[in-house]
Amino acid sequence: MKVSVVASEPISADRLRAALGAATDDAEIVVVAPALHLSALHFWLSDADEAIQRAELVQRETTEGLDDAGLDARGDTGEGDPSRRWRTPSPPSRLSAS
């Protein structure tokens, strides 16, 4: 199974297993942490540094935690099209947590 996790906060392996059940252990997981702006003003001023740093932290903490728990996980900070991260053209299952 392929799973795309969109996370604005770090997600633990226990939380992911609670949502997906036993299939989690065999899943190929991509964690996408979007760079969320604090306000519309930050967005319009193109002041994305803080948002990108936070997204990188969320993605890193989540993927490292999932890897440490024995899950197959990799991450991205949400730039570009996350569906292109898959090795095969089959669509992933989706779980969204914020």
N, C-alpha and C. Protein backbone atom coordinates (compact mmCIF):
# COMPACT_ATOMS: atom_id res chain seq x y z
N MET A 1 0.85 -1.16 0.00
CA MET A 1 0.00 0.00 0.00
C MET A 1 0.90 1.23 0.00
N LYS A 2 0.45 2.27 -0.67
CA LYS A 2 1.15 3.55 -0.70
C LYS A 2 0.30 4.56 0.06
N VAL A 3 0.97 5.31 0.92
CA VAL A 3 0.25 6.26 1.77
C VAL A 3 0.92 7.63 1.66
N SER A 4 0.12 8.63 1.44
CA SER A 4 0.60 10.01 1.44
C SER A 4 0.05 10.68 2.70
N VAL A 5 0.95 11.15 3.55
CA VAL A 5 0.56 11.82 4.79
C VAL A 5 0.89 13.30 4.65
N VAL A 6 -0.12 14.15 4.75
CA VAL A 6 0.08 15.59 4.72
C VAL A 6 -0.02 16.05 6.16
N ALA A 7 1.10 16.60 6.68
CA ALA A 7 1.17 16.90 8.11
C ALA A 7 1.66 18.31 8.37
N SER A 8 0.92 19.04 9.18
CA SER A 8 1.37 20.36 9.61
C SER A 8 2.06 20.29 10.97
N GLU A 9 1.97 19.14 11.61
CA GLU A 9 2.64 18.84 12.87
C GLU A 9 3.25 17.45 12.75
N PRO A 10 4.32 17.13 13.48
CA PRO A 10 4.90 15.79 13.41
C PRO A 10 3.88 14.70 13.76
N ILE A 11 3.91 13.60 13.03
CA ILE A 11 3.01 12.46 13.22
C ILE A 11 3.84 11.28 13.71
N SER A 12 3.38 10.63 14.76
CA SER A 12 4.11 9.47 15.30
C SER A 12 3.69 8.20 14.58
N ALA A 13 4.54 7.17 14.68
CA ALA A 13 4.22 5.87 14.11
C ALA A 13 2.98 5.29 14.78
N ASP A 14 2.83 5.48 16.08
CA ASP A 14 1.65 4.97 16.78
C ASP A 14 0.37 5.61 16.25
N ARG A 15 0.42 6.90 16.00
CA ARG A 15 -0.77 7.59 15.47
C ARG A 15 -1.10 7.11 14.06
N LEU A 16 -0.07 6.91 13.25
CA LEU A 16 -0.29 6.41 11.90
C LEU A 16 -0.84 4.99 11.92
N ARG A 17 -0.28 4.15 12.79
CA ARG A 17 -0.78 2.77 12.91
C ARG A 17 -2.22 2.75 13.41
N ALA A 18 -2.57 3.66 14.31
CA ALA A 18 -3.95 3.72 14.81
C ALA A 18 -4.92 4.08 13.68
N ALA A 19 -4.47 4.91 12.75
CA ALA A 19 -5.33 5.33 11.65
C ALA A 19 -5.41 4.28 10.53
N LEU A 20 -4.29 3.59 10.26
CA LEU A 20 -4.24 2.67 9.12
C LEU A 20 -4.30 1.20 9.48
N GLY A 21 -4.07 0.87 10.73
CA GLY A 21 -4.11 -0.52 11.15
C GLY A 21 -2.85 -1.28 10.77
N ALA A 22 -3.00 -2.59 10.66
CA ALA A 22 -1.86 -3.49 10.44
C ALA A 22 -1.17 -3.25 9.10
N ALA A 23 -1.88 -2.71 8.13
CA ALA A 23 -1.30 -2.48 6.81
C ALA A 23 -0.17 -1.45 6.84
N THR A 24 -0.08 -0.68 7.91
CA THR A 24 0.94 0.36 8.02
C THR A 24 2.35 -0.19 7.90
N ASP A 25 2.60 -1.36 8.47
CA ASP A 25 3.95 -1.91 8.50
C ASP A 25 4.48 -2.26 7.12
N ASP A 26 3.59 -2.53 6.15
CA ASP A 26 4.02 -2.86 4.79
C ASP A 26 3.86 -1.69 3.83
N ALA A 27 3.45 -0.55 4.32
CA ALA A 27 3.16 0.61 3.47
C ALA A 27 4.43 1.36 3.06
N GLU A 28 4.38 1.95 1.89
CA GLU A 28 5.39 2.90 1.43
C GLU A 28 4.80 4.27 1.74
N ILE A 29 5.45 5.01 2.62
CA ILE A 29 4.87 6.25 3.15
C ILE A 29 5.66 7.46 2.67
N VAL A 30 4.93 8.44 2.15
CA VAL A 30 5.52 9.73 1.80
C VAL A 30 4.88 10.77 2.71
N VAL A 31 5.72 11.48 3.44
CA VAL A 31 5.26 12.54 4.34
C VAL A 31 5.47 13.87 3.63
N VAL A 32 4.39 14.63 3.45
CA VAL A 32 4.47 15.95 2.84
C VAL A 32 4.11 16.96 3.92
N ALA A 33 5.04 17.86 4.19
CA ALA A 33 4.81 18.91 5.18
C ALA A 33 4.75 20.24 4.43
N PRO A 34 3.56 20.79 4.26
CA PRO A 34 3.45 22.03 3.50
C PRO A 34 4.03 23.22 4.27
N ALA A 35 4.55 24.16 3.54
CA ALA A 35 5.06 25.40 4.14
C ALA A 35 3.87 26.33 4.34
N LEU A 36 3.37 26.37 5.56
CA LEU A 36 2.19 27.16 5.87
C LEU A 36 2.61 28.53 6.39
N HIS A 37 2.08 29.56 5.79
CA HIS A 37 2.40 30.93 6.21
C HIS A 37 1.59 31.30 7.45
N LEU A 38 2.19 32.15 8.28
CA LEU A 38 1.52 32.61 9.48
C LEU A 38 0.36 33.54 9.17
N SER A 39 0.46 34.24 8.05
CA SER A 39 -0.61 35.18 7.69
C SER A 39 -0.60 35.40 6.18
N ALA A 40 -1.68 35.98 5.69
CA ALA A 40 -1.76 36.30 4.27
C ALA A 40 -0.68 37.33 3.90
N LEU A 41 -0.36 38.21 4.83
CA LEU A 41 0.67 39.22 4.56
C LEU A 41 2.02 38.56 4.29
N HIS A 42 2.39 37.54 5.10
CA HIS A 42 3.65 36.83 4.87
C HIS A 42 3.64 36.19 3.48
N PHE A 43 2.48 35.64 3.10
CA PHE A 43 2.35 35.01 1.79
C PHE A 43 2.55 36.04 0.68
N TRP A 44 1.86 37.15 0.77
CA TRP A 44 1.92 38.17 -0.29
C TRP A 44 3.29 38.84 -0.34
N LEU A 45 3.98 38.93 0.75
CA LEU A 45 5.31 39.52 0.76
C LEU A 45 6.40 38.52 0.39
N SER A 46 5.97 37.29 0.08
CA SER A 46 6.90 36.21 -0.26
C SER A 46 7.91 35.95 0.84
N ASP A 47 7.47 36.11 2.08
CA ASP A 47 8.31 35.87 3.24
C ASP A 47 8.09 34.43 3.71
N ALA A 48 8.67 33.49 2.97
CA ALA A 48 8.40 32.08 3.21
C ALA A 48 9.46 31.37 4.05
N ASP A 49 10.52 32.05 4.43
CA ASP A 49 11.62 31.39 5.12
C ASP A 49 11.18 30.66 6.38
N GLU A 50 10.41 31.33 7.21
CA GLU A 50 9.93 30.71 8.45
C GLU A 50 9.04 29.51 8.17
N ALA A 51 8.14 29.65 7.21
CA ALA A 51 7.22 28.57 6.86
C ALA A 51 7.98 27.36 6.31
N ILE A 52 8.98 27.60 5.49
CA ILE A 52 9.77 26.51 4.92
C ILE A 52 10.58 25.81 6.01
N GLN A 53 11.18 26.58 6.92
CA GLN A 53 11.94 25.98 8.02
C GLN A 53 11.04 25.09 8.88
N ARG A 54 9.84 25.57 9.18
CA ARG A 54 8.90 24.78 9.99
C ARG A 54 8.50 23.50 9.24
N ALA A 55 8.23 23.62 7.94
CA ALA A 55 7.85 22.45 7.14
C ALA A 55 8.98 21.42 7.13
N GLU A 56 10.22 21.88 6.97
CA GLU A 56 11.36 20.97 6.98
C GLU A 56 11.49 20.26 8.32
N LEU A 57 11.26 20.98 9.42
CA LEU A 57 11.33 20.38 10.75
C LEU A 57 10.25 19.31 10.93
N VAL A 58 9.02 19.63 10.54
CA VAL A 58 7.90 18.67 10.66
C VAL A 58 8.19 17.43 9.83
N GLN A 59 8.62 17.63 8.60
CA GLN A 59 8.91 16.51 7.71
C GLN A 59 10.04 15.65 8.27
N ARG A 60 11.11 16.27 8.73
CA ARG A 60 12.26 15.53 9.26
C ARG A 60 11.89 14.76 10.52
N GLU A 61 11.21 15.40 11.47
CA GLU A 61 10.82 14.72 12.71
C GLU A 61 9.89 13.55 12.42
N THR A 62 8.96 13.74 11.50
CA THR A 62 8.01 12.68 11.18
C THR A 62 8.70 11.50 10.49
N THR A 63 9.48 11.77 9.44
CA THR A 63 10.12 10.67 8.73
C THR A 63 11.14 9.94 9.60
N GLU A 64 11.91 10.68 10.41
CA GLU A 64 12.87 10.01 11.30
C GLU A 64 12.14 9.15 12.32
N GLY A 65 11.05 9.64 12.88
CA GLY A 65 10.28 8.86 13.84
C GLY A 65 9.69 7.61 13.22
N LEU A 66 9.16 7.73 12.00
CA LEU A 66 8.60 6.56 11.32
C LEU A 66 9.70 5.57 10.96
N ASP A 67 10.83 6.07 10.47
CA ASP A 67 11.97 5.19 10.17
C ASP A 67 12.45 4.46 11.42
N ASP A 68 12.55 5.18 12.54
CA ASP A 68 12.99 4.57 13.80
C ASP A 68 12.03 3.48 14.25
N ALA A 69 10.76 3.61 13.87
CA ALA A 69 9.75 2.60 14.24
C ALA A 69 9.69 1.47 13.22
N GLY A 70 10.59 1.48 12.24
CA GLY A 70 10.65 0.39 11.27
C GLY A 70 9.73 0.56 10.06
N LEU A 71 9.22 1.75 9.84
CA LEU A 71 8.34 1.98 8.69
C LEU A 71 9.14 2.56 7.53
N ASP A 72 8.68 2.28 6.31
CA ASP A 72 9.32 2.76 5.09
C ASP A 72 8.78 4.15 4.79
N ALA A 73 9.52 5.20 5.19
CA ALA A 73 9.02 6.57 5.03
C ALA A 73 10.08 7.47 4.42
N ARG A 74 9.61 8.37 3.59
CA ARG A 74 10.45 9.44 3.08
C ARG A 74 9.62 10.71 3.07
N GLY A 75 10.26 11.85 2.91
CA GLY A 75 9.52 13.08 3.06
C GLY A 75 9.84 14.14 2.04
N ASP A 76 8.97 15.16 2.05
CA ASP A 76 9.10 16.31 1.17
C ASP A 76 8.47 17.49 1.90
N THR A 77 8.88 18.70 1.51
CA THR A 77 8.32 19.88 2.15
C THR A 77 7.14 20.47 1.39
N GLY A 78 6.59 19.74 0.45
CA GLY A 78 5.36 20.17 -0.20
C GLY A 78 5.57 21.06 -1.40
N GLU A 79 6.80 21.23 -1.85
CA GLU A 79 7.03 22.02 -3.05
C GLU A 79 6.84 21.11 -4.26
N GLY A 80 6.14 21.58 -5.25
CA GLY A 80 5.90 20.77 -6.43
C GLY A 80 4.71 19.84 -6.22
N ASP A 81 4.63 18.82 -7.04
CA ASP A 81 3.51 17.89 -7.01
C ASP A 81 3.90 16.63 -6.23
N PRO A 82 3.36 16.44 -5.00
CA PRO A 82 3.76 15.28 -4.20
C PRO A 82 3.37 13.95 -4.82
N SER A 83 2.37 13.93 -5.72
CA SER A 83 1.99 12.66 -6.33
C SER A 83 3.07 12.14 -7.28
N ARG A 84 4.00 12.99 -7.69
CA ARG A 84 5.10 12.56 -8.56
C ARG A 84 6.21 11.85 -7.79
N ARG A 85 6.08 11.74 -6.49
CA ARG A 85 7.10 11.11 -5.66
C ARG A 85 7.05 9.58 -5.75
N TRP A 86 5.98 9.03 -6.32
CA TRP A 86 5.80 7.58 -6.35
C TRP A 86 6.58 6.96 -7.50
N ARG A 87 7.05 5.76 -7.27
CA ARG A 87 7.81 5.03 -8.30
C ARG A 87 6.89 4.42 -9.35
N THR A 88 5.64 4.17 -9.01
CA THR A 88 4.68 3.58 -9.94
C THR A 88 3.51 4.54 -10.09
N PRO A 89 2.75 4.41 -11.18
CA PRO A 89 1.66 5.35 -11.41
C PRO A 89 0.40 5.12 -10.58
N SER A 90 0.37 4.10 -9.74
CA SER A 90 -0.84 3.85 -8.95
C SER A 90 -1.02 4.93 -7.89
N PRO A 91 -2.24 5.39 -7.69
CA PRO A 91 -2.47 6.45 -6.69
C PRO A 91 -2.32 5.94 -5.28
N PRO A 92 -1.83 6.79 -4.37
CA PRO A 92 -1.68 6.37 -2.97
C PRO A 92 -3.00 6.44 -2.21
N SER A 93 -3.07 5.70 -1.10
CA SER A 93 -4.15 5.90 -0.15
C SER A 93 -3.87 7.24 0.52
N ARG A 94 -4.86 7.88 1.05
CA ARG A 94 -4.63 9.20 1.64
C ARG A 94 -5.07 9.26 3.08
N LEU A 95 -4.24 9.89 3.90
CA LEU A 95 -4.54 10.18 5.28
C LEU A 95 -4.09 11.60 5.52
N SER A 96 -4.97 12.43 5.99
CA SER A 96 -4.60 13.83 6.25
C SER A 96 -4.73 14.09 7.74
N ALA A 97 -3.68 14.61 8.32
CA ALA A 97 -3.70 14.94 9.75
C ALA A 97 -3.11 16.31 9.94
N SER A 98 -3.72 17.07 10.82
CA SER A 98 -3.15 18.39 11.07
C SER A 98 -3.09 18.66 12.55
